[in-house]
Amino acid sequence: MEAVIRKQTSFRLREDLLKVLQEEARKANRSLNNFVESTLMDAMYSEPNEETKAAIEEARTGKNKKGFDSVKSLMEELRL
């Protein structure tokens, strides 16, 4: 396995955002650097699987769209 090369860099972040990141890193028992890096990796490389892609496309196109004439019929459908 290849070694991961890391390069030191700096960012200016809003103070309130930095506090939230620090708190979340602490809760996860991780360093701030590790927490931010893994969060960014998740954001950049989260590709949905084929089933999810199909569901997204279906929702966008309105294919198989079912309407409801009342809240009651919607709730009955959700209970199935």
C-alpha atoms as a PDB file:
ATOM      1  CA  MET A   1       0.000   0.000   0.000  1.00  0.00           C
ATOM      2  CA  GLU A   2       1.310   3.440  -0.915  1.00  0.00           C
ATOM      3  CA  ALA A   3       2.008   5.940   1.810  1.00  0.00           C
ATOM      4  CA  VAL A   4      -0.335   8.904   1.873  1.00  0.00           C
ATOM      5  CA  ILE A   5       1.527  12.152   1.397  1.00  0.00           C
ATOM      6  CA  ARG A   6       0.123  15.054   3.351  1.00  0.00           C
ATOM      7  CA  LYS A   7       0.909  18.682   2.759  1.00  0.00           C
ATOM      8  CA  GLN A   8       0.560  21.269   5.475  1.00  0.00           C
ATOM      9  CA  THR A   9      -1.796  24.102   4.607  1.00  0.00           C
ATOM     10  CA  SER A  10      -3.866  26.698   6.397  1.00  0.00           C
ATOM     11  CA  PHE A  11      -7.417  27.943   6.052  1.00  0.00           C
ATOM     12  CA  ARG A  12      -9.304  30.816   7.512  1.00  0.00           C
ATOM     13  CA  LEU A  13     -12.554  29.586   9.007  1.00  0.00           C
ATOM     14  CA  ARG A  14     -15.342  31.355  10.780  1.00  0.00           C
ATOM     15  CA  GLU A  15     -14.786  31.135  14.503  1.00  0.00           C
ATOM     16  CA  ASP A  16     -18.202  29.581  15.123  1.00  0.00           C
ATOM     17  CA  LEU A  17     -17.556  26.906  12.467  1.00  0.00           C
ATOM     18  CA  LEU A  18     -14.170  26.096  13.972  1.00  0.00           C
ATOM     19  CA  LYS A  19     -15.758  25.659  17.401  1.00  0.00           C
ATOM     20  CA  VAL A  20     -18.351  23.261  15.970  1.00  0.00           C
ATOM     21  CA  LEU A  21     -15.654  21.254  14.180  1.00  0.00           C
ATOM     22  CA  GLN A  22     -13.544  21.071  17.327  1.00  0.00           C
ATOM     23  CA  GLU A  23     -16.511  19.893  19.382  1.00  0.00           C
ATOM     24  CA  GLU A  24     -17.520  17.237  16.853  1.00  0.00           C
ATOM     25  CA  ALA A  25     -13.913  16.008  16.643  1.00  0.00           C
ATOM     26  CA  ARG A  26     -13.787  15.794  20.446  1.00  0.00           C
ATOM     27  CA  LYS A  27     -17.067  13.836  20.550  1.00  0.00           C
ATOM     28  CA  ALA A  28     -15.663  11.401  17.977  1.00  0.00           C
ATOM     29  CA  ASN A  29     -12.403  11.140  19.979  1.00  0.00           C
ATOM     30  CA  ARG A  30     -10.421  12.285  16.937  1.00  0.00           C
ATOM     31  CA  SER A  31      -7.992  15.066  16.193  1.00  0.00           C
ATOM     32  CA  LEU A  32      -9.358  18.154  14.496  1.00  0.00           C
ATOM     33  CA  ASN A  33      -7.119  17.461  11.499  1.00  0.00           C
ATOM     34  CA  ASN A  34      -8.358  13.870  11.159  1.00  0.00           C
ATOM     35  CA  PHE A  35     -11.990  14.896  11.600  1.00  0.00           C
ATOM     36  CA  VAL A  36     -11.833  17.660   8.985  1.00  0.00           C
ATOM     37  CA  GLU A  37      -9.871  15.516   6.524  1.00  0.00           C
ATOM     38  CA  SER A  38     -12.282  12.581   6.748  1.00  0.00           C
ATOM     39  CA  THR A  39     -15.314  14.884   6.530  1.00  0.00           C
ATOM     40  CA  LEU A  40     -13.906  16.455   3.367  1.00  0.00           C
ATOM     41  CA  MET A  41     -13.099  13.024   1.912  1.00  0.00           C
ATOM     42  CA  ASP A  42     -16.672  11.866   2.570  1.00  0.00           C
ATOM     43  CA  ALA A  43     -18.035  14.991   0.878  1.00  0.00           C
ATOM     44  CA  MET A  44     -15.816  14.618  -2.175  1.00  0.00           C
ATOM     45  CA  TYR A  45     -16.035  10.876  -2.748  1.00  0.00           C
ATOM     46  CA  SER A  46     -19.515   9.799  -1.780  1.00  0.00           C
ATOM     47  CA  GLU A  47     -20.872   8.257  -4.990  1.00  0.00           C
ATOM     48  CA  PRO A  48     -24.377   6.812  -4.662  1.00  0.00           C
ATOM     49  CA  ASN A  49     -24.861   3.152  -5.583  1.00  0.00           C
ATOM     50  CA  GLU A  50     -26.871   2.106  -8.650  1.00  0.00           C
ATOM     51  CA  GLU A  51     -30.119   1.580  -6.716  1.00  0.00           C
ATOM     52  CA  THR A  52     -29.867   5.066  -5.214  1.00  0.00           C
ATOM     53  CA  LYS A  53     -29.063   6.597  -8.620  1.00  0.00           C
ATOM     54  CA  ALA A  54     -32.151   4.915 -10.087  1.00  0.00           C
ATOM     55  CA  ALA A  55     -34.321   6.202  -7.232  1.00  0.00           C
ATOM     56  CA  ILE A  56     -32.979   9.739  -7.683  1.00  0.00           C
ATOM     57  CA  GLU A  57     -33.712   9.605 -11.417  1.00  0.00           C
ATOM     58  CA  GLU A  58     -37.200   8.241 -10.768  1.00  0.00           C
ATOM     59  CA  ALA A  59     -37.920  11.050  -8.321  1.00  0.00           C
ATOM     60  CA  ARG A  60     -36.630  13.699 -10.742  1.00  0.00           C
ATOM     61  CA  THR A  61     -38.664  12.452 -13.687  1.00  0.00           C
ATOM     62  CA  GLY A  62     -41.848  11.815 -11.732  1.00  0.00           C
ATOM     63  CA  LYS A  63     -41.963   8.272 -13.119  1.00  0.00           C
ATOM     64  CA  ASN A  64     -44.320   6.051 -11.081  1.00  0.00           C
ATOM     65  CA  LYS A  65     -45.518   9.130  -9.228  1.00  0.00           C
ATOM     66  CA  LYS A  66     -48.544   8.442  -7.112  1.00  0.00           C
ATOM     67  CA  GLY A  67     -50.860  11.182  -5.945  1.00  0.00           C
ATOM     68  CA  PHE A  68     -52.955  11.233  -2.818  1.00  0.00           C
ATOM     69  CA  ASP A  69     -56.372  12.775  -2.441  1.00  0.00           C
ATOM     70  CA  SER A  70     -56.143  13.119   1.326  1.00  0.00           C
ATOM     71  CA  VAL A  71     -53.710  13.032   4.197  1.00  0.00           C
ATOM     72  CA  LYS A  72     -55.466   9.891   5.397  1.00  0.00           C
ATOM     73  CA  SER A  73     -54.683   8.009   2.156  1.00  0.00           C
ATOM     74  CA  LEU A  74     -51.067   9.196   2.322  1.00  0.00           C
ATOM     75  CA  MET A  75     -50.719   7.973   5.899  1.00  0.00           C
ATOM     76  CA  GLU A  76     -52.248   4.607   4.984  1.00  0.00           C
ATOM     77  CA  GLU A  77     -49.712   4.243   2.181  1.00  0.00           C
ATOM     78  CA  LEU A  78     -46.835   5.109   4.522  1.00  0.00           C
ATOM     79  CA  ARG A  79     -47.901   2.422   6.991  1.00  0.00           C
ATOM     80  CA  LEU A  80     -47.488  -0.358   4.374  1.00  0.00           C
END
